[in-house]
Amino acid sequence: MYTVYAIKSEIDGRIYVGFSSNLERRLKEHNSGKTKSTKGYRPWRLIFKEQCDSRIEARKLEKFYKSGKGKEILKMVP
């Protein structure tokens, strides 16, 4: 089982979208600076998550939320 997630930077409000089989571990990696692409914008806050049954399904959903329309949906989440 995979989880597609979106996190928001408390520094500048940017949104990062990804997926993981272990969401708790992945969020710790983002907030501890182990992820190069998110290191400079810590701390991060989880704003969205959705479970998927397969990696393929999770990847498709991740691509949607990284698209223009998907990002607009995520920007409306407080």
C-alpha atoms as a PDB file:
ATOM      1  CA  MET A   1       0.000   0.000   0.000  1.00  0.00           C
ATOM      2  CA  TYR A   2       1.263   3.467  -0.932  1.00  0.00           C
ATOM      3  CA  THR A   3       0.276   6.934   0.218  1.00  0.00           C
ATOM      4  CA  VAL A   4       0.313   9.988  -2.025  1.00  0.00           C
ATOM      5  CA  TYR A   5       0.943  13.062   0.106  1.00  0.00           C
ATOM      6  CA  ALA A   6       1.369  16.814  -0.095  1.00  0.00           C
ATOM      7  CA  ILE A   7       3.348  18.848   2.403  1.00  0.00           C
ATOM      8  CA  LYS A   8       3.484  22.606   2.739  1.00  0.00           C
ATOM      9  CA  SER A   9       6.504  24.638   3.811  1.00  0.00           C
ATOM     10  CA  GLU A  10       5.952  26.751   6.910  1.00  0.00           C
ATOM     11  CA  ILE A  11       8.658  29.111   5.573  1.00  0.00           C
ATOM     12  CA  ASP A  12       7.255  30.203   2.203  1.00  0.00           C
ATOM     13  CA  GLY A  13       4.106  28.137   1.577  1.00  0.00           C
ATOM     14  CA  ARG A  14       5.506  26.033  -1.274  1.00  0.00           C
ATOM     15  CA  ILE A  15       3.909  22.624  -1.768  1.00  0.00           C
ATOM     16  CA  TYR A  16       5.784  19.357  -2.309  1.00  0.00           C
ATOM     17  CA  VAL A  17       3.975  16.263  -3.631  1.00  0.00           C
ATOM     18  CA  GLY A  18       5.277  12.725  -3.352  1.00  0.00           C
ATOM     19  CA  PHE A  19       4.333   9.151  -2.519  1.00  0.00           C
ATOM     20  CA  SER A  20       5.708   6.589  -0.112  1.00  0.00           C
ATOM     21  CA  SER A  21       5.047   3.164   1.333  1.00  0.00           C
ATOM     22  CA  ASN A  22       5.937   4.541   4.793  1.00  0.00           C
ATOM     23  CA  LEU A  23       4.519   8.053   5.190  1.00  0.00           C
ATOM     24  CA  GLU A  24       5.646   8.591   8.783  1.00  0.00           C
ATOM     25  CA  ARG A  25       9.295   7.794   7.935  1.00  0.00           C
ATOM     26  CA  ARG A  26       9.152   9.938   4.810  1.00  0.00           C
ATOM     27  CA  LEU A  27       7.809  12.984   6.681  1.00  0.00           C
ATOM     28  CA  LYS A  28      10.625  12.641   9.227  1.00  0.00           C
ATOM     29  CA  GLU A  29      13.127  12.586   6.341  1.00  0.00           C
ATOM     30  CA  HIS A  30      11.668  15.807   4.925  1.00  0.00           C
ATOM     31  CA  ASN A  31      11.722  17.601   8.276  1.00  0.00           C
ATOM     32  CA  SER A  32      15.172  16.383   9.326  1.00  0.00           C
ATOM     33  CA  GLY A  33      16.836  17.618   6.126  1.00  0.00           C
ATOM     34  CA  LYS A  34      17.617  14.215   4.592  1.00  0.00           C
ATOM     35  CA  THR A  35      15.779  15.102   1.368  1.00  0.00           C
ATOM     36  CA  LYS A  36      17.867  17.459  -0.748  1.00  0.00           C
ATOM     37  CA  SER A  37      14.935  19.055  -2.605  1.00  0.00           C
ATOM     38  CA  THR A  38      13.058  20.005   0.580  1.00  0.00           C
ATOM     39  CA  LYS A  39      15.945  20.641   2.978  1.00  0.00           C
ATOM     40  CA  GLY A  40      16.005  24.436   2.656  1.00  0.00           C
ATOM     41  CA  TYR A  41      12.294  24.986   3.263  1.00  0.00           C
ATOM     42  CA  ARG A  42      11.761  23.223   6.605  1.00  0.00           C
ATOM     43  CA  PRO A  43       9.602  22.780   8.601  1.00  0.00           C
ATOM     44  CA  TRP A  44       6.974  20.975   6.542  1.00  0.00           C
ATOM     45  CA  ARG A  45       3.333  20.315   7.451  1.00  0.00           C
ATOM     46  CA  LEU A  46       1.213  17.509   5.977  1.00  0.00           C
ATOM     47  CA  ILE A  47      -1.806  18.985   4.169  1.00  0.00           C
ATOM     48  CA  PHE A  48      -3.082  16.026   2.111  1.00  0.00           C
ATOM     49  CA  LYS A  49      -2.803  12.243   1.936  1.00  0.00           C
ATOM     50  CA  GLU A  50      -4.543   9.535  -0.070  1.00  0.00           C
ATOM     51  CA  GLN A  51      -4.045   5.767   0.038  1.00  0.00           C
ATOM     52  CA  CYS A  52      -3.403   3.781  -3.149  1.00  0.00           C
ATOM     53  CA  ASP A  53      -3.359   0.022  -3.647  1.00  0.00           C
ATOM     54  CA  SER A  54      -0.434  -0.075  -6.073  1.00  0.00           C
ATOM     55  CA  ARG A  55       2.737   1.831  -6.904  1.00  0.00           C
ATOM     56  CA  ILE A  56       1.436   2.472 -10.432  1.00  0.00           C
ATOM     57  CA  GLU A  57      -1.788   3.999  -9.091  1.00  0.00           C
ATOM     58  CA  ALA A  58       0.191   6.121  -6.616  1.00  0.00           C
ATOM     59  CA  ARG A  59       2.499   7.391  -9.362  1.00  0.00           C
ATOM     60  CA  LYS A  60      -0.467   8.426 -11.533  1.00  0.00           C
ATOM     61  CA  LEU A  61      -2.082  10.297  -8.637  1.00  0.00           C
ATOM     62  CA  GLU A  62       1.234  11.945  -7.763  1.00  0.00           C
ATOM     63  CA  LYS A  63       1.596  13.146 -11.373  1.00  0.00           C
ATOM     64  CA  PHE A  64      -1.921  14.614 -11.246  1.00  0.00           C
ATOM     65  CA  TYR A  65      -1.233  16.583  -8.052  1.00  0.00           C
ATOM     66  CA  LYS A  66       2.048  17.852  -9.528  1.00  0.00           C
ATOM     67  CA  SER A  67       0.153  19.164 -12.578  1.00  0.00           C
ATOM     68  CA  GLY A  68      -1.377  22.628 -12.821  1.00  0.00           C
ATOM     69  CA  LYS A  69      -4.905  21.492 -12.005  1.00  0.00           C
ATOM     70  CA  GLY A  70      -3.757  19.291  -9.136  1.00  0.00           C
ATOM     71  CA  LYS A  71      -1.631  22.089  -7.632  1.00  0.00           C
ATOM     72  CA  GLU A  72      -4.631  24.434  -7.759  1.00  0.00           C
ATOM     73  CA  ILE A  73      -6.654  21.926  -5.733  1.00  0.00           C
ATOM     74  CA  LEU A  74      -3.873  21.641  -3.151  1.00  0.00           C
ATOM     75  CA  LYS A  75      -3.508  25.425  -2.880  1.00  0.00           C
ATOM     76  CA  MET A  76      -7.092  25.584  -1.592  1.00  0.00           C
ATOM     77  CA  VAL A  77      -6.228  23.310   1.374  1.00  0.00           C
ATOM     78  CA  PRO A  78      -5.628  25.472   4.472  1.00  0.00           C
END
